[in-house]
């Protein structure tokens, strides 16, 4: 959901700026390929 992903992005950036998280602790999703979607 676009709102949730936007909200998560702001929360994530806040936690990084406060030193609670490091960027290397976060896995960013990639778009599924056609092969991933085929059953």
N, C-alpha and C. Protein backbone atom coordinates (compact mmCIF):
# COMPACT_ATOMS: atom_id res chain seq x y z
N UNK A 1 0.86 -1.17 0.00
CA UNK A 1 0.00 0.00 0.00
C UNK A 1 0.90 1.23 0.00
N UNK A 2 0.67 2.20 -0.88
CA UNK A 2 1.55 3.38 -1.00
C UNK A 2 1.68 4.16 0.30
N UNK A 3 0.58 4.33 1.04
CA UNK A 3 0.67 5.09 2.29
C UNK A 3 1.58 4.39 3.28
N UNK A 4 1.41 3.08 3.41
CA UNK A 4 2.22 2.32 4.36
C UNK A 4 3.69 2.36 4.00
N UNK A 5 4.02 2.23 2.73
CA UNK A 5 5.42 2.25 2.33
C UNK A 5 6.02 3.63 2.53
N UNK A 6 5.24 4.67 2.29
CA UNK A 6 5.71 6.03 2.54
C UNK A 6 5.95 6.26 4.02
N UNK A 7 5.01 5.80 4.84
CA UNK A 7 5.13 5.95 6.29
C UNK A 7 6.35 5.17 6.79
N UNK A 8 6.53 3.96 6.32
CA UNK A 8 7.68 3.15 6.73
C UNK A 8 8.98 3.84 6.34
N UNK A 9 9.02 4.46 5.17
CA UNK A 9 10.22 5.18 4.75
C UNK A 9 10.58 6.30 5.70
N UNK A 10 9.59 7.05 6.15
CA UNK A 10 9.85 8.14 7.10
C UNK A 10 10.30 7.60 8.45
N UNK A 11 9.68 6.53 8.91
CA UNK A 11 10.07 5.93 10.19
C UNK A 11 11.49 5.40 10.10
N UNK A 12 11.80 4.74 9.01
CA UNK A 12 13.13 4.18 8.80
C UNK A 12 14.19 5.28 8.80
N UNK A 13 13.95 6.35 8.07
CA UNK A 13 14.91 7.47 8.03
C UNK A 13 15.08 8.10 9.41
N UNK A 14 14.01 8.20 10.18
CA UNK A 14 14.09 8.74 11.53
C UNK A 14 14.98 7.85 12.40
N UNK A 15 14.75 6.54 12.34
CA UNK A 15 15.54 5.61 13.15
C UNK A 15 17.01 5.65 12.77
N UNK A 16 17.30 5.82 11.50
CA UNK A 16 18.69 5.94 11.05
C UNK A 16 19.29 7.25 11.56
N UNK A 17 18.55 8.35 11.46
CA UNK A 17 19.07 9.64 11.90
C UNK A 17 19.31 9.68 13.41
N UNK A 18 18.55 8.89 14.17
CA UNK A 18 18.73 8.82 15.62
C UNK A 18 19.79 7.80 16.04
N UNK A 19 20.36 7.11 15.07
CA UNK A 19 21.40 6.13 15.37
C UNK A 19 20.87 4.79 15.88
N UNK A 20 19.58 4.57 15.76
CA UNK A 20 18.98 3.32 16.23
C UNK A 20 19.20 2.21 15.20
N UNK A 21 19.15 2.56 13.93
CA UNK A 21 19.39 1.62 12.83
C UNK A 21 20.53 2.12 11.97
N UNK A 22 21.18 1.19 11.30
CA UNK A 22 22.16 1.53 10.26
C UNK A 22 21.57 1.11 8.93
N UNK A 23 21.97 1.80 7.86
CA UNK A 23 21.45 1.45 6.53
C UNK A 23 21.79 0.01 6.16
N UNK A 24 22.90 -0.51 6.68
CA UNK A 24 23.28 -1.89 6.33
C UNK A 24 22.43 -2.93 7.07
N UNK A 25 21.54 -2.51 7.95
CA UNK A 25 20.65 -3.42 8.65
C UNK A 25 19.29 -3.53 7.96
N UNK A 26 19.10 -2.81 6.89
CA UNK A 26 17.80 -2.74 6.22
C UNK A 26 17.90 -3.39 4.85
N UNK A 27 16.94 -4.23 4.55
CA UNK A 27 16.87 -4.86 3.23
C UNK A 27 15.78 -4.16 2.44
N UNK A 28 16.15 -3.60 1.30
CA UNK A 28 15.17 -2.93 0.46
C UNK A 28 14.62 -3.91 -0.56
N UNK A 29 13.31 -3.94 -0.72
CA UNK A 29 12.71 -4.89 -1.65
C UNK A 29 12.98 -4.51 -3.11
N UNK A 30 13.02 -5.52 -3.94
CA UNK A 30 13.12 -5.30 -5.38
C UNK A 30 11.85 -5.83 -6.03
N UNK A 31 11.51 -5.30 -7.17
CA UNK A 31 10.31 -5.73 -7.86
C UNK A 31 10.45 -7.18 -8.32
N UNK A 32 9.39 -7.93 -8.19
CA UNK A 32 9.39 -9.33 -8.61
C UNK A 32 9.54 -9.41 -10.13
N UNK A 33 10.35 -10.36 -10.57
CA UNK A 33 10.50 -10.57 -12.01
C UNK A 33 9.36 -11.45 -12.52
N UNK A 34 9.24 -11.53 -13.83
CA UNK A 34 8.19 -12.38 -14.41
C UNK A 34 8.39 -13.83 -13.98
N UNK A 35 9.65 -14.29 -13.94
CA UNK A 35 9.94 -15.66 -13.50
C UNK A 35 9.51 -15.88 -12.06
N UNK A 36 9.67 -14.88 -11.21
CA UNK A 36 9.24 -15.00 -9.81
C UNK A 36 7.74 -15.19 -9.71
N UNK A 37 7.00 -14.59 -10.63
CA UNK A 37 5.55 -14.62 -10.56
C UNK A 37 4.92 -15.86 -11.19
N UNK A 38 5.69 -16.54 -12.02
CA UNK A 38 5.16 -17.75 -12.67
C UNK A 38 5.17 -18.92 -11.70
N UNK A 39 4.10 -19.67 -11.70
CA UNK A 39 4.00 -20.82 -10.80
C UNK A 39 4.45 -22.07 -11.51
